[in-house]
PDB file of N, CA and C in Angstrom:
ATOM      1  N   UNK A   1    -168.745  50.956 -35.179  1.00  0.00           N
ATOM      2  CA  UNK A   1    -167.613  51.319 -35.785  1.00  0.00           C
ATOM      3  C   UNK A   1    -166.658  51.606 -34.705  1.00  0.00           C
ATOM      4  N   UNK A   2    -165.239  51.240 -34.879  1.00  0.00           N
ATOM      5  CA  UNK A   2    -164.258  51.357 -34.219  1.00  0.00           C
ATOM      6  C   UNK A   2    -163.483  52.605 -34.452  1.00  0.00           C
ATOM      7  N   UNK A   3    -163.312  53.402 -33.254  1.00  0.00           N
ATOM      8  CA  UNK A   3    -162.533  54.608 -33.672  1.00  0.00           C
ATOM      9  C   UNK A   3    -161.508  55.028 -32.760  1.00  0.00           C
ATOM     10  N   UNK A   4    -160.451  55.759 -33.100  1.00  0.00           N
ATOM     11  CA  UNK A   4    -159.322  56.101 -32.403  1.00  0.00           C
ATOM     12  C   UNK A   4    -159.166  57.771 -32.480  1.00  0.00           C
ATOM     13  N   UNK A   5    -159.120  58.541 -31.473  1.00  0.00           N
ATOM     14  CA  UNK A   5    -159.144  59.639 -31.586  1.00  0.00           C
ATOM     15  C   UNK A   5    -157.545  60.343 -31.593  1.00  0.00           C
ATOM     16  N   UNK A   6    -157.270  61.170 -32.561  1.00  0.00           N
ATOM     17  CA  UNK A   6    -155.946  61.719 -32.550  1.00  0.00           C
ATOM     18  C   UNK A   6    -156.172  63.261 -32.284  1.00  0.00           C
ATOM     19  N   UNK A   7    -154.858  63.923 -32.241  1.00  0.00           N
ATOM     20  CA  UNK A   7    -154.819  65.327 -31.913  1.00  0.00           C
ATOM     21  C   UNK A   7    -155.704  66.237 -32.813  1.00  0.00           C
ATOM     22  N   UNK A   8    -155.728  65.726 -34.201  1.00  0.00           N
ATOM     23  CA  UNK A   8    -156.458  66.732 -35.275  1.00  0.00           C
ATOM     24  C   UNK A   8    -157.692  65.886 -35.804  1.00  0.00           C
ATOM     25  N   UNK A   9    -158.153  65.089 -35.243  1.00  0.00           N
ATOM     26  CA  UNK A   9    -159.379  64.370 -35.905  1.00  0.00           C
ATOM     27  C   UNK A   9    -159.504  62.814 -35.388  1.00  0.00           C
ATOM     28  N   UNK A  10    -160.112  61.909 -35.986  1.00  0.00           N
ATOM     29  CA  UNK A  10    -160.341  60.525 -35.454  1.00  0.00           C
ATOM     30  C   UNK A  10    -160.146  59.573 -36.893  1.00  0.00           C
ATOM     31  N   UNK A  11    -159.914  58.465 -36.432  1.00  0.00           N
ATOM     32  CA  UNK A  11    -160.151  57.346 -37.411  1.00  0.00           C
ATOM     33  C   UNK A  11    -161.142  56.447 -37.200  1.00  0.00           C
ATOM     34  N   UNK A  12    -161.916  56.103 -38.074  1.00  0.00           N
ATOM     35  CA  UNK A  12    -162.775  55.149 -37.967  1.00  0.00           C
ATOM     36  C   UNK A  12    -162.627  53.970 -38.537  1.00  0.00           C
ATOM     37  N   UNK A  13    -162.838  52.610 -38.096  1.00  0.00           N
ATOM     38  CA  UNK A  13    -162.619  51.390 -38.758  1.00  0.00           C
ATOM     39  C   UNK A  13    -163.953  50.686 -38.783  1.00  0.00           C
ATOM     40  N   UNK A  14    -164.447  50.286 -40.068  1.00  0.00           N
ATOM     41  CA  UNK A  14    -165.849  49.651 -39.890  1.00  0.00           C
ATOM     42  C   UNK A  14    -165.548  48.154 -39.586  1.00  0.00           C
ATOM     43  N   UNK A  15    -166.887  47.536 -38.970  1.00  0.00           N
ATOM     44  CA  UNK A  15    -166.817  46.207 -38.738  1.00  0.00           C
ATOM     45  C   UNK A  15    -166.434  45.274 -39.910  1.00  0.00           C
ATOM     46  N   UNK A  16    -166.602  45.679 -41.193  1.00  0.00           N
ATOM     47  CA  UNK A  16    -166.261  44.896 -42.309  1.00  0.00           C
ATOM     48  C   UNK A  16    -164.668  44.756 -42.318  1.00  0.00           C
ATOM     49  N   UNK A  17    -164.147  45.868 -42.007  1.00  0.00           N
ATOM     50  CA  UNK A  17    -162.605  45.811 -42.088  1.00  0.00           C
ATOM     51  C   UNK A  17    -162.155  45.050 -40.986  1.00  0.00           C
ATOM     52  N   UNK A  18    -162.693  45.107 -39.751  1.00  0.00           N
ATOM     53  CA  UNK A  18    -162.228  44.218 -38.655  1.00  0.00           C
ATOM     54  C   UNK A  18    -162.261  42.931 -38.951  1.00  0.00           C
ATOM     55  N   UNK A  19    -163.442  42.587 -39.657  1.00  0.00           N
ATOM     56  CA  UNK A  19    -163.770  41.050 -39.958  1.00  0.00           C
ATOM     57  C   UNK A  19    -162.825  40.733 -41.061  1.00  0.00           C
ATOM     58  N   UNK A  20    -162.222  41.318 -41.833  1.00  0.00           N
ATOM     59  CA  UNK A  20    -161.358  40.978 -42.593  1.00  0.00           C
ATOM     60  C   UNK A  20    -159.964  40.527 -42.156  1.00  0.00           C
ATOM     61  N   UNK A  21    -159.663  41.439 -41.238  1.00  0.00           N
ATOM     62  CA  UNK A  21    -158.480  41.021 -40.256  1.00  0.00           C
ATOM     63  C   UNK A  21    -158.488  39.635 -39.444  1.00  0.00           C
ATOM     64  N   UNK A  22    -159.901  39.585 -39.028  1.00  0.00           N
ATOM     65  CA  UNK A  22    -160.081  38.357 -38.390  1.00  0.00           C
ATOM     66  C   UNK A  22    -159.948  37.078 -39.182  1.00  0.00           C
ATOM     67  N   UNK A  23    -160.717  37.165 -40.404  1.00  0.00           N
ATOM     68  CA  UNK A  23    -160.899  36.025 -41.170  1.00  0.00           C
ATOM     69  C   UNK A  23    -159.302  35.982 -41.783  1.00  0.00           C
ATOM     70  N   UNK A  24    -158.795  36.648 -42.026  1.00  0.00           N
ATOM     71  CA  UNK A  24    -157.176  36.432 -42.465  1.00  0.00           C
ATOM     72  C   UNK A  24    -156.617  35.713 -41.402  1.00  0.00           C
ATOM     73  N   UNK A  25    -156.540  36.131 -39.946  1.00  0.00           N
ATOM     74  CA  UNK A  25    -156.032  35.616 -39.095  1.00  0.00           C
ATOM     75  C   UNK A  25    -156.458  34.099 -38.877  1.00  0.00           C
ATOM     76  N   UNK A  26    -157.670  33.667 -38.777  1.00  0.00           N
ATOM     77  CA  UNK A  26    -158.130  32.646 -38.571  1.00  0.00           C
ATOM     78  C   UNK A  26    -157.623  31.504 -39.743  1.00  0.00           C
ATOM     79  N   UNK A  27    -157.454  32.206 -40.889  1.00  0.00           N
ATOM     80  CA  UNK A  27    -156.968  31.056 -42.077  1.00  0.00           C
ATOM     81  C   UNK A  27    -155.594  30.719 -41.661  1.00  0.00           C
ATOM     82  N   UNK A  28    -154.750  31.333 -40.958  1.00  0.00           N
ATOM     83  CA  UNK A  28    -153.501  30.815 -40.596  1.00  0.00           C
ATOM     84  C   UNK A  28    -153.320  29.930 -39.513  1.00  0.00           C
ATOM     85  N   UNK A  29    -154.465  29.610 -38.857  1.00  0.00           N
ATOM     86  CA  UNK A  29    -154.506  28.755 -37.677  1.00  0.00           C
ATOM     87  C   UNK A  29    -154.560  27.214 -38.045  1.00  0.00           C
ATOM     88  N   UNK A  30    -153.543  26.653 -37.411  1.00  0.00           N
ATOM     89  CA  UNK A  30    -153.513  24.928 -37.812  1.00  0.00           C
ATOM     90  C   UNK A  30    -154.810  24.549 -37.255  1.00  0.00           C
ATOM     91  N   UNK A  31    -155.311  23.449 -38.076  1.00  0.00           N
ATOM     92  CA  UNK A  31    -156.441  22.853 -37.681  1.00  0.00           C
ATOM     93  C   UNK A  31    -157.768  23.396 -38.250  1.00  0.00           C
ATOM     94  N   UNK A  32    -157.805  24.720 -38.515  1.00  0.00           N
ATOM     95  CA  UNK A  32    -159.040  25.356 -39.064  1.00  0.00           C
ATOM     96  C   UNK A  32    -159.390  25.109 -40.474  1.00  0.00           C
ATOM     97  N   UNK A  33    -160.344  24.453 -40.940  1.00  0.00           N
ATOM     98  CA  UNK A  33    -160.543  24.365 -42.268  1.00  0.00           C
ATOM     99  C   UNK A  33    -161.332  25.640 -43.070  1.00  0.00           C
ATOM    100  N   UNK A  34    -162.153  26.161 -42.187  1.00  0.00           N
ATOM    101  CA  UNK A  34    -162.475  27.427 -42.616  1.00  0.00           C
ATOM    102  C   UNK A  34    -163.754  27.976 -41.663  1.00  0.00           C
ATOM    103  N   UNK A  35    -164.057  29.250 -42.093  1.00  0.00           N
ATOM    104  CA  UNK A  35    -165.212  29.871 -41.289  1.00  0.00           C
ATOM    105  C   UNK A  35    -166.568  29.525 -41.826  1.00  0.00           C
ATOM    106  N   UNK A  36    -167.610  29.488 -41.289  1.00  0.00           N
ATOM    107  CA  UNK A  36    -169.215  29.189 -41.456  1.00  0.00           C
ATOM    108  C   UNK A  36    -170.140  30.211 -40.964  1.00  0.00           C
ATOM    109  N   UNK A  37    -171.134  30.250 -41.434  1.00  0.00           N
ATOM    110  CA  UNK A  37    -172.093  31.084 -40.793  1.00  0.00           C
ATOM    111  C   UNK A  37    -172.655  30.602 -39.529  1.00  0.00           C
ATOM    112  N   UNK A  38    -173.067  31.239 -38.737  1.00  0.00           N
ATOM    113  CA  UNK A  38    -173.747  30.840 -37.300  1.00  0.00           C
ATOM    114  C   UNK A  38    -174.980  29.938 -37.483  1.00  0.00           C
ATOM    115  N   UNK A  39    -175.661  30.333 -38.397  1.00  0.00           N
ATOM    116  CA  UNK A  39    -176.900  29.547 -38.635  1.00  0.00           C
ATOM    117  C   UNK A  39    -177.696  29.832 -40.060  1.00  0.00           C
ATOM    118  N   UNK A  40    -178.256  29.237 -40.500  1.00  0.00           N
ATOM    119  CA  UNK A  40    -179.238  29.477 -41.846  1.00  0.00           C
ATOM    120  C   UNK A  40    -179.415  30.913 -41.970  1.00  0.00           C
ATOM    121  N   UNK A  41    -180.183  31.603 -41.041  1.00  0.00           N
ATOM    122  CA  UNK A  41    -180.676  32.943 -40.853  1.00  0.00           C
ATOM    123  C   UNK A  41    -179.405  33.861 -41.104  1.00  0.00           C
ATOM    124  N   UNK A  42    -178.296  33.512 -40.337  1.00  0.00           N
ATOM    125  CA  UNK A  42    -177.254  34.333 -40.269  1.00  0.00           C
ATOM    126  C   UNK A  42    -176.586  34.161 -41.778  1.00  0.00           C
ATOM    127  N   UNK A  43    -176.418  32.972 -42.412  1.00  0.00           N
ATOM    128  CA  UNK A  43    -175.834  32.835 -43.515  1.00  0.00           C
ATOM    129  C   UNK A  43    -176.540  33.637 -44.720  1.00  0.00           C
ATOM    130  N   UNK A  44    -177.949  33.725 -44.683  1.00  0.00           N
ATOM    131  CA  UNK A  44    -178.699  34.581 -45.702  1.00  0.00           C
ATOM    132  C   UNK A  44    -178.197  35.858 -45.392  1.00  0.00           C
ATOM    133  N   UNK A  45    -178.312  36.518 -44.011  1.00  0.00           N
ATOM    134  CA  UNK A  45    -177.966  37.944 -43.896  1.00  0.00           C
ATOM    135  C   UNK A  45    -176.430  38.011 -44.380  1.00  0.00           C
ATOM    136  N   UNK A  46    -175.510  37.089 -44.308  1.00  0.00           N
ATOM    137  CA  UNK A  46    -174.101  37.436 -44.522  1.00  0.00           C
ATOM    138  C   UNK A  46    -174.170  37.612 -46.098  1.00  0.00           C
ATOM    139  N   UNK A  47    -174.827  36.719 -46.846  1.00  0.00           N
ATOM    140  CA  UNK A  47    -174.890  36.760 -48.265  1.00  0.00           C
ATOM    141  C   UNK A  47    -175.535  38.309 -48.773  1.00  0.00           C
ATOM    142  N   UNK A  48    -176.447  38.816 -48.040  1.00  0.00           N
ATOM    143  CA  UNK A  48    -177.059  40.194 -48.450  1.00  0.00           C
ATOM    144  C   UNK A  48    -176.144  41.280 -47.828  1.00  0.00           C
ATOM    145  N   UNK A  49    -175.508  41.022 -46.808  1.00  0.00           N
ATOM    146  CA  UNK A  49    -174.737  42.404 -46.126  1.00  0.00           C
ATOM    147  C   UNK A  49    -173.325  42.602 -46.597  1.00  0.00           C
ATOM    148  N   UNK A  50    -173.148  43.644 -46.723  1.00  0.00           N
ATOM    149  CA  UNK A  50    -171.779  43.942 -46.836  1.00  0.00           C
ATOM    150  C   UNK A  50    -171.002  44.225 -45.619  1.00  0.00           C
ATOM    151  N   UNK A  51    -171.406  44.226 -44.380  1.00  0.00           N
ATOM    152  CA  UNK A  51    -171.011  44.691 -43.295  1.00  0.00           C
ATOM    153  C   UNK A  51    -170.451  43.327 -42.502  1.00  0.00           C
ATOM    154  N   UNK A  52    -170.462  42.347 -42.998  1.00  0.00           N
ATOM    155  CA  UNK A  52    -170.225  41.281 -42.165  1.00  0.00           C
ATOM    156  C   UNK A  52    -169.390  40.015 -43.270  1.00  0.00           C
ATOM    157  N   UNK A  53    -168.407  39.476 -42.534  1.00  0.00           N
ATOM    158  CA  UNK A  53    -167.767  38.423 -43.206  1.00  0.00           C
ATOM    159  C   UNK A  53    -168.274  37.135 -43.046  1.00  0.00           C
ATOM    160  N   UNK A  54    -168.447  36.161 -43.678  1.00  0.00           N
ATOM    161  CA  UNK A  54    -168.971  34.838 -43.482  1.00  0.00           C
ATOM    162  C   UNK A  54    -168.347  34.387 -42.179  1.00  0.00           C
ATOM    163  N   UNK A  55    -169.162  33.943 -41.013  1.00  0.00           N
ATOM    164  CA  UNK A  55    -168.663  33.348 -39.909  1.00  0.00           C
ATOM    165  C   UNK A  55    -167.901  34.078 -38.974  1.00  0.00           C
ATOM    166  N   UNK A  56    -167.815  35.373 -39.194  1.00  0.00           N
ATOM    167  CA  UNK A  56    -167.235  36.315 -38.252  1.00  0.00           C
ATOM    168  C   UNK A  56    -168.291  37.641 -37.917  1.00  0.00           C
ATOM    169  N   UNK A  57    -168.558  37.652 -36.593  1.00  0.00           N
ATOM    170  CA  UNK A  57    -169.392  38.722 -36.098  1.00  0.00           C
ATOM    171  C   UNK A  57    -168.559  39.846 -35.094  1.00  0.00           C
ATOM    172  N   UNK A  58    -168.583  41.147 -35.366  1.00  0.00           N
ATOM    173  CA  UNK A  58    -167.924  42.006 -34.864  1.00  0.00           C
ATOM    174  C   UNK A  58    -168.841  42.934 -33.909  1.00  0.00           C
ATOM    175  N   UNK A  59    -168.566  43.088 -32.750  1.00  0.00           N
ATOM    176  CA  UNK A  59    -169.442  44.078 -31.929  1.00  0.00           C
ATOM    177  C   UNK A  59    -168.575  45.075 -31.318  1.00  0.00           C
ATOM    178  N   UNK A  60    -168.618  46.308 -31.372  1.00  0.00           N
ATOM    179  CA  UNK A  60    -167.995  47.389 -30.840  1.00  0.00           C
ATOM    180  C   UNK A  60    -168.624  48.050 -29.592  1.00  0.00           C
ATOM    181  N   UNK A  61    -168.345  48.109 -28.561  1.00  0.00           N
ATOM    182  CA  UNK A  61    -168.954  48.727 -27.337  1.00  0.00           C
ATOM    183  C   UNK A  61    -167.956  49.541 -26.420  1.00  0.00           C
ATOM    184  N   UNK A  62    -168.079  50.549 -26.279  1.00  0.00           N
ATOM    185  CA  UNK A  62    -167.222  51.447 -25.412  1.00  0.00           C
ATOM    186  C   UNK A  62    -165.600  51.364 -25.872  1.00  0.00           C
ATOM    187  N   UNK A  63    -165.661  51.594 -27.038  1.00  0.00           N
ATOM    188  CA  UNK A  63    -164.125  51.499 -27.543  1.00  0.00           C
ATOM    189  C   UNK A  63    -163.484  49.880 -27.419  1.00  0.00           C
ATOM    190  N   UNK A  64    -164.165  49.002 -27.162  1.00  0.00           N
ATOM    191  CA  UNK A  64    -163.604  47.767 -27.040  1.00  0.00           C
ATOM    192  C   UNK A  64    -164.329  46.918 -28.046  1.00  0.00           C
ATOM    193  N   UNK A  65    -163.694  45.920 -28.605  1.00  0.00           N
ATOM    194  CA  UNK A  65    -163.976  44.991 -29.565  1.00  0.00           C
ATOM    195  C   UNK A  65    -164.436  43.605 -29.064  1.00  0.00           C
ATOM    196  N   UNK A  66    -165.409  43.068 -29.289  1.00  0.00           N
ATOM    197  CA  UNK A  66    -166.030  41.694 -29.085  1.00  0.00           C
ATOM    198  C   UNK A  66    -166.090  41.021 -30.571  1.00  0.00           C
ATOM    199  N   UNK A  67    -165.474  39.627 -30.531  1.00  0.00           N
ATOM    200  CA  UNK A  67    -165.415  38.887 -31.798  1.00  0.00           C
ATOM    201  C   UNK A  67    -166.052  37.571 -31.624  1.00  0.00           C
ATOM    202  N   UNK A  68    -166.885  37.169 -32.306  1.00  0.00           N
ATOM    203  CA  UNK A  68    -167.556  35.817 -32.467  1.00  0.00           C
ATOM    204  C   UNK A  68    -166.922  35.287 -33.929  1.00  0.00           C
ATOM    205  N   UNK A  69    -166.192  34.084 -33.677  1.00  0.00           N
ATOM    206  CA  UNK A  69    -165.847  33.427 -34.754  1.00  0.00           C
ATOM    207  C   UNK A  69    -166.365  31.981 -34.849  1.00  0.00           C
ATOM    208  N   UNK A  70    -166.969  31.649 -36.064  1.00  0.00           N
ATOM    209  CA  UNK A  70    -167.448  30.362 -36.195  1.00  0.00           C
ATOM    210  C   UNK A  70    -166.794  29.418 -37.215  1.00  0.00           C
ATOM    211  N   UNK A  71    -166.069  28.426 -36.689  1.00  0.00           N
ATOM    212  CA  UNK A  71    -165.047  27.688 -37.544  1.00  0.00           C
ATOM    213  C   UNK A  71    -165.261  26.073 -37.731  1.00  0.00           C
ATOM    214  N   UNK A  72    -164.860  25.785 -38.847  1.00  0.00           N
ATOM    215  CA  UNK A  72    -165.004  24.213 -38.938  1.00  0.00           C
ATOM    216  C   UNK A  72    -163.322  23.719 -38.657  1.00  0.00           C
ATOM    217  N   UNK A  73    -163.305  22.655 -37.797  1.00  0.00           N
ATOM    218  CA  UNK A  73    -162.204  22.263 -37.480  1.00  0.00           C
ATOM    219  C   UNK A  73    -161.851  20.775 -38.105  1.00  0.00           C
ATOM    220  N   UNK A  74    -160.635  20.644 -38.466  1.00  0.00           N
ATOM    221  CA  UNK A  74    -160.216  19.376 -39.155  1.00  0.00           C
ATOM    222  C   UNK A  74    -160.259  18.143 -38.081  1.00  0.00           C
ATOM    223  N   UNK A  75    -160.912  17.206 -38.517  1.00  0.00           N
ATOM    224  CA  UNK A  75    -161.074  15.964 -37.568  1.00  0.00           C
ATOM    225  C   UNK A  75    -159.738  15.408 -37.361  1.00  0.00           C
ATOM    226  N   UNK A  76    -159.680  14.991 -36.090  1.00  0.00           N
ATOM    227  CA  UNK A  76    -158.368  14.507 -35.697  1.00  0.00           C
ATOM    228  C   UNK A  76    -157.229  15.515 -34.756  1.00  0.00           C
ATOM    229  N   UNK A  77    -157.539  16.766 -34.958  1.00  0.00           N
ATOM    230  CA  UNK A  77    -156.800  17.767 -34.355  1.00  0.00           C
ATOM    231  C   UNK A  77    -157.462  18.005 -32.878  1.00  0.00           C
ATOM    232  N   UNK A  78    -156.908  18.430 -32.174  1.00  0.00           N
ATOM    233  CA  UNK A  78    -157.140  18.606 -30.768  1.00  0.00           C
ATOM    234  C   UNK A  78    -158.076  19.938 -30.645  1.00  0.00           C
ATOM    235  N   UNK A  79    -159.413  19.885 -30.421  1.00  0.00           N
ATOM    236  CA  UNK A  79    -160.249  20.988 -30.755  1.00  0.00           C
ATOM    237  C   UNK A  79    -159.908  22.206 -29.674  1.00  0.00           C
ATOM    238  N   UNK A  80    -159.803  21.654 -28.637  1.00  0.00           N
ATOM    239  CA  UNK A  80    -159.596  22.982 -27.594  1.00  0.00           C
ATOM    240  C   UNK A  80    -158.308  23.581 -27.996  1.00  0.00           C
ATOM    241  N   UNK A  81    -157.291  22.866 -28.289  1.00  0.00           N
ATOM    242  CA  UNK A  81    -156.020  23.597 -28.695  1.00  0.00           C
ATOM    243  C   UNK A  81    -156.162  24.509 -30.027  1.00  0.00           C
ATOM    244  N   UNK A  82    -156.917  24.000 -30.803  1.00  0.00           N
ATOM    245  CA  UNK A  82    -157.357  24.616 -32.185  1.00  0.00           C
ATOM    246  C   UNK A  82    -157.773  26.168 -31.838  1.00  0.00           C
ATOM    247  N   UNK A  83    -159.050  25.989 -31.018  1.00  0.00           N
ATOM    248  CA  UNK A  83    -159.869  27.016 -30.383  1.00  0.00           C
ATOM    249  C   UNK A  83    -158.967  27.991 -29.554  1.00  0.00           C
ATOM    250  N   UNK A  84    -158.084  27.598 -28.703  1.00  0.00           N
ATOM    251  CA  UNK A  84    -157.056  28.516 -27.878  1.00  0.00           C
ATOM    252  C   UNK A  84    -156.417  29.064 -28.850  1.00  0.00           C
ATOM    253  N   UNK A  85    -155.627  28.435 -29.970  1.00  0.00           N
ATOM    254  CA  UNK A  85    -154.932  29.183 -30.990  1.00  0.00           C
ATOM    255  C   UNK A  85    -155.675  30.362 -31.721  1.00  0.00           C
ATOM    256  N   UNK A  86    -156.664  29.950 -32.211  1.00  0.00           N
ATOM    257  CA  UNK A  86    -157.721  30.837 -32.899  1.00  0.00           C
ATOM    258  C   UNK A  86    -157.774  32.166 -31.907  1.00  0.00           C
ATOM    259  N   UNK A  87    -158.394  31.837 -30.713  1.00  0.00           N
ATOM    260  CA  UNK A  87    -158.505  33.118 -29.955  1.00  0.00           C
ATOM    261  C   UNK A  87    -156.994  34.013 -29.877  1.00  0.00           C
ATOM    262  N   UNK A  88    -156.028  33.416 -29.584  1.00  0.00           N
ATOM    263  CA  UNK A  88    -154.752  34.058 -29.352  1.00  0.00           C
ATOM    264  C   UNK A  88    -154.248  35.038 -30.508  1.00  0.00           C
ATOM    265  N   UNK A  89    -154.436  34.051 -31.726  1.00  0.00           N
ATOM    266  CA  UNK A  89    -154.108  34.689 -33.035  1.00  0.00           C
ATOM    267  C   UNK A  89    -154.838  35.818 -33.400  1.00  0.00           C
ATOM    268  N   UNK A  90    -156.272  35.672 -33.281  1.00  0.00           N
ATOM    269  CA  UNK A  90    -157.165  36.811 -33.754  1.00  0.00           C
ATOM    270  C   UNK A  90    -156.831  37.980 -32.729  1.00  0.00           C
ATOM    271  N   UNK A  91    -156.809  37.812 -31.559  1.00  0.00           N
ATOM    272  CA  UNK A  91    -156.620  38.824 -30.492  1.00  0.00           C
ATOM    273  C   UNK A  91    -155.324  39.751 -30.645  1.00  0.00           C
ATOM    274  N   UNK A  92    -154.321  38.921 -30.980  1.00  0.00           N
ATOM    275  CA  UNK A  92    -153.026  39.626 -31.344  1.00  0.00           C
ATOM    276  C   UNK A  92    -152.939  40.497 -32.624  1.00  0.00           C
ATOM    277  N   UNK A  93    -153.586  39.720 -33.696  1.00  0.00           N
ATOM    278  CA  UNK A  93    -153.611  40.487 -34.903  1.00  0.00           C
ATOM    279  C   UNK A  93    -154.640  41.775 -35.086  1.00  0.00           C
ATOM    280  N   UNK A  94    -155.468  41.718 -34.381  1.00  0.00           N
ATOM    281  CA  UNK A  94    -156.552  42.677 -34.093  1.00  0.00           C
ATOM    282  C   UNK A  94    -155.979  43.900 -33.469  1.00  0.00           C
ATOM    283  N   UNK A  95    -155.582  43.429 -32.306  1.00  0.00           N
ATOM    284  CA  UNK A  95    -154.931  44.553 -31.459  1.00  0.00           C
ATOM    285  C   UNK A  95    -153.786  45.331 -31.941  1.00  0.00           C
ATOM    286  N   UNK A  96    -152.954  44.478 -32.694  1.00  0.00           N
ATOM    287  CA  UNK A  96    -151.711  44.995 -33.450  1.00  0.00           C
ATOM    288  C   UNK A  96    -152.216  45.747 -34.647  1.00  0.00           C
ATOM    289  N   UNK A  97    -153.152  45.417 -35.332  1.00  0.00           N
ATOM    290  CA  UNK A  97    -153.393  46.330 -36.549  1.00  0.00           C
ATOM    291  C   UNK A  97    -154.338  47.587 -36.076  1.00  0.00           C
ATOM    292  N   UNK A  98    -155.059  47.542 -34.978  1.00  0.00           N
ATOM    293  CA  UNK A  98    -155.972  48.819 -34.679  1.00  0.00           C
ATOM    294  C   UNK A  98    -155.404  49.627 -33.402  1.00  0.00           C
ATOM    295  N   UNK A  99    -154.582  48.987 -32.796  1.00  0.00           N
ATOM    296  CA  UNK A  99    -154.130  49.541 -31.578  1.00  0.00           C
ATOM    297  C   UNK A  99    -155.277  49.960 -30.534  1.00  0.00           C
ATOM    298  N   UNK A 100    -156.339  48.910 -30.556  1.00  0.00           N
ATOM    299  CA  UNK A 100    -157.453  49.126 -29.601  1.00  0.00           C
ATOM    300  C   UNK A 100    -157.574  47.771 -28.923  1.00  0.00           C
ATOM    301  N   UNK A 101    -158.225  47.795 -27.469  1.00  0.00           N
ATOM    302  CA  UNK A 101    -158.104  46.530 -26.948  1.00  0.00           C
ATOM    303  C   UNK A 101    -159.501  45.663 -27.472  1.00  0.00           C
ATOM    304  N   UNK A 102    -159.035  44.167 -27.447  1.00  0.00           N
ATOM    305  CA  UNK A 102    -160.009  43.104 -27.795  1.00  0.00           C
ATOM    306  C   UNK A 102    -160.621  42.958 -26.672  1.00  0.00           C
ATOM    307  N   UNK A 103    -161.958  43.069 -26.067  1.00  0.00           N
ATOM    308  CA  UNK A 103    -162.473  42.478 -24.994  1.00  0.00           C
ATOM    309  C   UNK A 103    -162.589  41.042 -24.694  1.00  0.00           C
ATOM    310  N   UNK A 104    -163.149  40.398 -26.079  1.00  0.00           N
ATOM    311  CA  UNK A 104    -163.345  38.893 -26.180  1.00  0.00           C
ATOM    312  C   UNK A 104    -163.345  38.572 -27.467  1.00  0.00           C
ATOM    313  N   UNK A 105    -162.812  37.341 -27.608  1.00  0.00           N
ATOM    314  CA  UNK A 105    -162.846  36.428 -28.875  1.00  0.00           C
ATOM    315  C   UNK A 105    -163.470  35.030 -28.436  1.00  0.00           C
ATOM    316  N   UNK A 106    -164.612  34.954 -28.904  1.00  0.00           N
ATOM    317  CA  UNK A 106    -165.401  33.676 -28.707  1.00  0.00           C
ATOM    318  C   UNK A 106    -165.228  32.795 -29.986  1.00  0.00           C
ATOM    319  N   UNK A 107    -164.647  31.524 -29.679  1.00  0.00           N
ATOM    320  CA  UNK A 107    -164.666  30.696 -31.000  1.00  0.00           C
ATOM    321  C   UNK A 107    -165.651  29.602 -30.837  1.00  0.00           C
ATOM    322  N   UNK A 108    -166.459  29.640 -31.672  1.00  0.00           N
ATOM    323  CA  UNK A 108    -167.738  28.365 -31.784  1.00  0.00           C
ATOM    324  C   UNK A 108    -167.315  27.458 -33.019  1.00  0.00           C
ATOM    325  N   UNK A 109    -167.077  26.375 -32.229  1.00  0.00           N
ATOM    326  CA  UNK A 109    -166.772  25.015 -33.243  1.00  0.00           C
ATOM    327  C   UNK A 109    -168.117  24.765 -33.754  1.00  0.00           C
ATOM    328  N   UNK A 110    -168.348  24.945 -35.193  1.00  0.00           N
ATOM    329  CA  UNK A 110    -169.525  24.485 -35.538  1.00  0.00           C
ATOM    330  C   UNK A 110    -169.633  23.086 -36.335  1.00  0.00           C
ATOM    331  N   UNK A 111    -168.563  22.533 -36.750  1.00  0.00           N
ATOM    332  CA  UNK A 111    -168.506  21.107 -37.504  1.00  0.00           C
ATOM    333  C   UNK A 111    -166.987  20.764 -37.481  1.00  0.00           C
ATOM    334  N   UNK A 112    -166.890  19.468 -37.782  1.00  0.00           N
ATOM    335  CA  UNK A 112    -165.458  18.811 -37.955  1.00  0.00           C
ATOM    336  C   UNK A 112    -165.526  18.345 -39.354  1.00  0.00           C
ATOM    337  N   UNK A 113    -164.403  18.393 -40.044  1.00  0.00           N
ATOM    338  CA  UNK A 113    -164.265  17.995 -41.182  1.00  0.00           C
ATOM    339  C   UNK A 113    -163.366  16.909 -41.320  1.00  0.00           C
ATOM    340  N   UNK A 114    -163.743  15.655 -42.178  1.00  0.00           N
ATOM    341  CA  UNK A 114    -162.919  14.643 -42.144  1.00  0.00           C
ATOM    342  C   UNK A 114    -162.222  14.574 -43.685  1.00  0.00           C
ATOM    343  N   UNK A 115    -160.835  14.463 -43.541  1.00  0.00           N
ATOM    344  CA  UNK A 115    -160.251  14.690 -44.763  1.00  0.00           C
ATOM    345  C   UNK A 115    -160.356  13.447 -45.749  1.00  0.00           C
ATOM    346  N   UNK A 116    -160.482  13.403 -46.937  1.00  0.00           N
ATOM    347  CA  UNK A 116    -160.834  12.202 -47.780  1.00  0.00           C
ATOM    348  C   UNK A 116    -159.138  11.625 -47.901  1.00  0.00           C
ATOM    349  N   UNK A 117    -159.260  10.487 -47.840  1.00  0.00           N
ATOM    350  CA  UNK A 117    -157.962   9.800 -48.017  1.00  0.00           C
ATOM    351  C   UNK A 117    -157.965   8.891 -49.112  1.00  0.00           C
ATOM    352  N   UNK A 118    -157.172   9.063 -50.161  1.00  0.00           N
ATOM    353  CA  UNK A 118    -157.302   8.302 -51.481  1.00  0.00           C
ATOM    354  C   UNK A 118    -156.103   7.470 -51.604  1.00  0.00           C
TER     355      UNK A 118
END
C-alpha cells in the first residue's frame, strides 16, 4: 500500500491502482505491443488475483515504489530505445499521479511481435 501523510489523515493507494497507472502509461509508448505475465505461474495468479494487472508488478517499501513491467515489443523497433522510453514514461506518470518517488522501473522484454503484412 502506498500512502501519503497529510495534516489530518493519510491517503492510501493500492498496488492495483498503481498498476492501472503503469498499464495506461505503457500503452502510450511507441513500439510496445502490450504487457504479458512474467511466466505461466504468474499468469495464473494474475487471472485469480484482483491486486495485480497482467504484466505489471508493484512493490512498495519504505514509501518508495518499485515497478516491474513485462512487455512485448514490435519487431523492427530499437528494443533498448523502447525499454528506455517505457522506464521514463512510467516513472513520470506514477510520480506525477501519486507525488511519491519511484525507486526503480524494471522493463522486461518478454517477446517480439512481427506484424502481418498483407
